[in-house]
């Protein structure tokens, strides 16, 4: 989970997302979905940002996290020649 948390921190910094609560790390039961060869982690309104910012989505390419993906998992099947 540290890899995912670091990638999210980087996106927060690069996208200059104003936070109302400091982001430390994702939770074990973190909300996510899979789309377009990405793991998309998202947070509820007011979890880290104000209502005006809406839901915050963080797409993470399967290629960025290939080292932590199990080959027979849904994400693993998205990586060619895995």
N, C-alpha and C. Protein backbone atom coordinates (compact mmCIF):
# COMPACT_ATOMS: atom_id res chain seq x y z
N UNK A 1 0.81 -1.20 0.00
CA UNK A 1 0.00 0.00 0.00
C UNK A 1 0.86 1.26 0.00
N UNK A 2 2.10 1.15 0.43
CA UNK A 2 2.97 2.32 0.45
C UNK A 2 3.22 2.85 -0.95
N UNK A 3 3.37 1.95 -1.92
CA UNK A 3 3.60 2.38 -3.30
C UNK A 3 2.40 3.19 -3.80
N UNK A 4 1.20 2.67 -3.56
CA UNK A 4 -0.01 3.38 -4.00
C UNK A 4 -0.13 4.72 -3.30
N UNK A 5 0.11 4.75 -2.02
CA UNK A 5 0.02 6.00 -1.27
C UNK A 5 1.01 7.03 -1.78
N UNK A 6 2.23 6.59 -2.09
CA UNK A 6 3.24 7.51 -2.63
C UNK A 6 2.82 8.06 -3.99
N UNK A 7 2.24 7.22 -4.83
CA UNK A 7 1.78 7.69 -6.14
C UNK A 7 0.64 8.69 -6.00
N UNK A 8 -0.23 8.47 -5.04
CA UNK A 8 -1.33 9.42 -4.79
C UNK A 8 -0.78 10.73 -4.25
N UNK A 9 0.16 10.66 -3.33
CA UNK A 9 0.78 11.89 -2.82
C UNK A 9 1.41 12.70 -3.95
N UNK A 10 2.05 12.00 -4.87
CA UNK A 10 2.68 12.69 -6.00
C UNK A 10 1.62 13.38 -6.87
N UNK A 11 0.49 12.70 -7.12
CA UNK A 11 -0.57 13.31 -7.91
C UNK A 11 -1.19 14.52 -7.19
N UNK A 12 -1.35 14.41 -5.89
CA UNK A 12 -1.88 15.55 -5.11
C UNK A 12 -0.96 16.76 -5.29
N UNK A 13 0.32 16.53 -5.19
CA UNK A 13 1.30 17.61 -5.32
C UNK A 13 1.31 18.17 -6.75
N UNK A 14 1.38 17.30 -7.76
CA UNK A 14 1.44 17.74 -9.15
C UNK A 14 0.16 18.46 -9.60
N UNK A 15 -0.98 17.98 -9.13
CA UNK A 15 -2.26 18.58 -9.52
C UNK A 15 -2.65 19.74 -8.61
N UNK A 16 -1.81 19.99 -7.61
CA UNK A 16 -2.03 21.08 -6.65
C UNK A 16 -3.44 21.04 -6.06
N UNK A 17 -3.80 19.88 -5.56
CA UNK A 17 -5.13 19.68 -4.96
C UNK A 17 -5.12 20.26 -3.56
N UNK A 18 -6.02 21.21 -3.27
CA UNK A 18 -6.09 21.77 -1.92
C UNK A 18 -6.76 20.78 -0.95
N UNK A 19 -6.05 20.43 0.09
CA UNK A 19 -6.54 19.45 1.06
C UNK A 19 -7.09 20.13 2.31
N UNK A 20 -8.15 19.55 2.86
CA UNK A 20 -8.65 20.01 4.16
C UNK A 20 -8.14 19.11 5.28
N UNK A 21 -7.67 17.90 4.91
CA UNK A 21 -7.06 16.96 5.84
C UNK A 21 -5.81 16.42 5.17
N UNK A 22 -4.75 16.24 5.93
CA UNK A 22 -3.51 15.73 5.37
C UNK A 22 -3.69 14.29 4.91
N UNK A 23 -3.21 13.99 3.72
CA UNK A 23 -3.24 12.61 3.22
C UNK A 23 -1.97 11.92 3.69
N UNK A 24 -2.14 10.82 4.42
CA UNK A 24 -1.00 10.03 4.90
C UNK A 24 -0.86 8.76 4.06
N UNK A 25 -1.94 7.99 3.98
CA UNK A 25 -1.90 6.72 3.26
C UNK A 25 -3.33 6.24 2.98
N UNK A 26 -3.44 5.35 2.00
CA UNK A 26 -4.74 4.76 1.74
C UNK A 26 -5.09 3.78 2.86
N UNK A 27 -6.37 3.48 2.98
CA UNK A 27 -6.85 2.55 4.00
C UNK A 27 -6.92 1.14 3.43
N UNK A 28 -6.91 0.13 4.29
CA UNK A 28 -7.05 -1.25 3.79
C UNK A 28 -8.34 -1.47 3.00
N UNK A 29 -9.39 -0.73 3.31
CA UNK A 29 -10.66 -0.89 2.61
C UNK A 29 -10.95 0.30 1.68
N UNK A 30 -9.89 0.84 1.11
CA UNK A 30 -9.98 2.03 0.26
C UNK A 30 -10.91 1.81 -0.93
N UNK A 31 -11.68 2.84 -1.28
CA UNK A 31 -12.54 2.79 -2.46
C UNK A 31 -11.68 2.83 -3.72
N UNK A 32 -12.04 1.99 -4.70
CA UNK A 32 -11.31 1.97 -5.97
C UNK A 32 -12.18 1.30 -7.03
N UNK A 33 -11.76 1.46 -8.27
CA UNK A 33 -12.32 0.68 -9.37
C UNK A 33 -11.24 0.51 -10.42
N UNK A 34 -11.50 -0.36 -11.38
CA UNK A 34 -10.54 -0.65 -12.43
C UNK A 34 -11.12 -0.17 -13.75
N UNK A 35 -10.32 0.59 -14.52
CA UNK A 35 -10.77 1.10 -15.81
C UNK A 35 -9.57 1.42 -16.69
N UNK A 36 -9.66 1.07 -17.96
CA UNK A 36 -8.65 1.47 -18.95
C UNK A 36 -7.22 1.21 -18.52
N UNK A 37 -6.93 0.00 -18.11
CA UNK A 37 -5.58 -0.39 -17.67
C UNK A 37 -5.07 0.48 -16.53
N UNK A 38 -6.01 0.88 -15.68
CA UNK A 38 -5.67 1.69 -14.51
C UNK A 38 -6.42 1.19 -13.28
N UNK A 39 -5.78 1.36 -12.17
CA UNK A 39 -6.43 1.24 -10.89
C UNK A 39 -6.80 2.67 -10.52
N UNK A 40 -8.06 2.93 -10.27
CA UNK A 40 -8.48 4.29 -9.94
C UNK A 40 -8.90 4.31 -8.47
N UNK A 41 -8.12 4.99 -7.66
CA UNK A 41 -8.41 5.16 -6.24
C UNK A 41 -9.17 6.47 -6.10
N UNK A 42 -10.22 6.46 -5.30
CA UNK A 42 -10.96 7.70 -5.10
C UNK A 42 -11.34 7.87 -3.64
N UNK A 43 -11.64 9.12 -3.30
CA UNK A 43 -11.96 9.47 -1.92
C UNK A 43 -13.31 10.17 -1.89
N UNK A 44 -14.00 10.00 -0.80
CA UNK A 44 -15.30 10.62 -0.63
C UNK A 44 -15.14 12.13 -0.41
N UNK A 45 -16.19 12.86 -0.73
CA UNK A 45 -16.19 14.30 -0.48
C UNK A 45 -16.00 14.54 1.01
N UNK A 46 -15.21 15.53 1.36
CA UNK A 46 -14.84 15.91 2.73
C UNK A 46 -13.83 14.97 3.38
N UNK A 47 -13.47 13.88 2.71
CA UNK A 47 -12.45 13.00 3.29
C UNK A 47 -11.10 13.71 3.28
N UNK A 48 -10.77 14.33 2.14
CA UNK A 48 -9.52 15.08 2.04
C UNK A 48 -9.70 16.45 1.39
N UNK A 49 -10.81 16.63 0.71
CA UNK A 49 -11.03 17.90 0.02
C UNK A 49 -12.43 18.44 0.32
N UNK A 50 -12.59 19.73 0.09
CA UNK A 50 -13.88 20.38 0.30
C UNK A 50 -14.88 19.95 -0.78
N UNK A 51 -16.14 20.16 -0.50
CA UNK A 51 -17.22 19.80 -1.41
C UNK A 51 -17.02 20.39 -2.80
N UNK A 52 -16.58 21.62 -2.85
CA UNK A 52 -16.39 22.32 -4.12
C UNK A 52 -15.39 21.61 -5.03
N UNK A 53 -14.49 20.83 -4.48
CA UNK A 53 -13.50 20.09 -5.25
C UNK A 53 -14.07 18.80 -5.84
N UNK A 54 -15.21 18.34 -5.33
CA UNK A 54 -15.83 17.11 -5.82
C UNK A 54 -15.06 15.87 -5.38
N UNK A 55 -15.45 14.74 -5.95
CA UNK A 55 -14.76 13.49 -5.66
C UNK A 55 -13.37 13.57 -6.31
N UNK A 56 -12.38 13.12 -5.58
CA UNK A 56 -11.02 13.11 -6.10
C UNK A 56 -10.67 11.70 -6.57
N UNK A 57 -10.31 11.59 -7.85
CA UNK A 57 -9.96 10.33 -8.46
C UNK A 57 -8.48 10.33 -8.79
N UNK A 58 -7.82 9.21 -8.55
CA UNK A 58 -6.39 9.09 -8.80
C UNK A 58 -6.12 7.85 -9.65
N UNK A 59 -6.06 8.04 -10.98
CA UNK A 59 -5.76 6.90 -11.85
C UNK A 59 -4.29 6.52 -11.75
N UNK A 60 -4.05 5.23 -11.59
CA UNK A 60 -2.69 4.72 -11.47
C UNK A 60 -2.54 3.61 -12.51
N UNK A 61 -1.66 3.81 -13.46
CA UNK A 61 -1.44 2.86 -14.54
C UNK A 61 -0.97 1.51 -13.99
N UNK A 62 -1.46 0.44 -14.60
CA UNK A 62 -1.01 -0.89 -14.17
C UNK A 62 0.50 -1.05 -14.37
N UNK A 63 1.06 -0.30 -15.32
CA UNK A 63 2.50 -0.40 -15.57
C UNK A 63 3.32 0.24 -14.44
N UNK A 64 2.74 1.23 -13.76
CA UNK A 64 3.44 1.86 -12.63
C UNK A 64 3.50 0.95 -11.41
N UNK A 65 2.54 0.04 -11.32
CA UNK A 65 2.46 -0.81 -10.12
C UNK A 65 2.61 -2.29 -10.46
N UNK A 66 3.18 -2.58 -11.61
CA UNK A 66 3.33 -3.97 -12.06
C UNK A 66 4.04 -4.84 -11.03
N UNK A 67 4.98 -4.27 -10.30
CA UNK A 67 5.75 -5.06 -9.33
C UNK A 67 4.93 -5.56 -8.15
N UNK A 68 3.77 -4.97 -7.92
CA UNK A 68 2.94 -5.41 -6.79
C UNK A 68 1.65 -6.09 -7.23
N UNK A 69 1.48 -6.28 -8.53
CA UNK A 69 0.26 -6.90 -9.06
C UNK A 69 0.48 -8.40 -9.22
N UNK A 70 -0.47 -9.20 -8.76
CA UNK A 70 -0.40 -10.64 -8.95
C UNK A 70 -0.81 -10.97 -10.38
N UNK A 71 -0.09 -11.88 -10.98
CA UNK A 71 -0.29 -12.21 -12.39
C UNK A 71 -1.72 -12.62 -12.73
N UNK A 72 -2.35 -13.41 -11.86
CA UNK A 72 -3.70 -13.91 -12.16
C UNK A 72 -4.82 -13.01 -11.63
N UNK A 73 -4.48 -11.82 -11.20
CA UNK A 73 -5.49 -10.88 -10.71
C UNK A 73 -6.11 -10.12 -11.87
N UNK A 74 -7.23 -9.44 -11.67
CA UNK A 74 -7.83 -8.66 -12.76
C UNK A 74 -6.86 -7.64 -13.34
N UNK A 75 -6.07 -6.99 -12.51
CA UNK A 75 -5.09 -6.03 -13.02
C UNK A 75 -3.96 -6.74 -13.75
N UNK A 76 -3.53 -7.88 -13.26
CA UNK A 76 -2.45 -8.63 -13.88
C UNK A 76 -2.81 -9.07 -15.29
N UNK A 77 -4.07 -9.38 -15.52
CA UNK A 77 -4.52 -9.80 -16.85
C UNK A 77 -4.53 -8.63 -17.84
N UNK A 78 -4.40 -7.40 -17.36
CA UNK A 78 -4.36 -6.24 -18.25
C UNK A 78 -2.97 -5.95 -18.76
N UNK A 79 -1.97 -6.57 -18.18
CA UNK A 79 -0.58 -6.33 -18.58
C UNK A 79 -0.18 -7.39 -19.60
N UNK A 80 0.08 -6.98 -20.84
CA UNK A 80 0.49 -7.95 -21.85
C UNK A 80 1.84 -8.61 -21.50
N UNK A 81 1.96 -9.86 -21.84
CA UNK A 81 3.21 -10.61 -21.60
C UNK A 81 3.59 -10.66 -20.14
N UNK A 82 2.61 -10.68 -19.25
CA UNK A 82 2.89 -10.71 -17.82
C UNK A 82 3.19 -12.12 -17.39
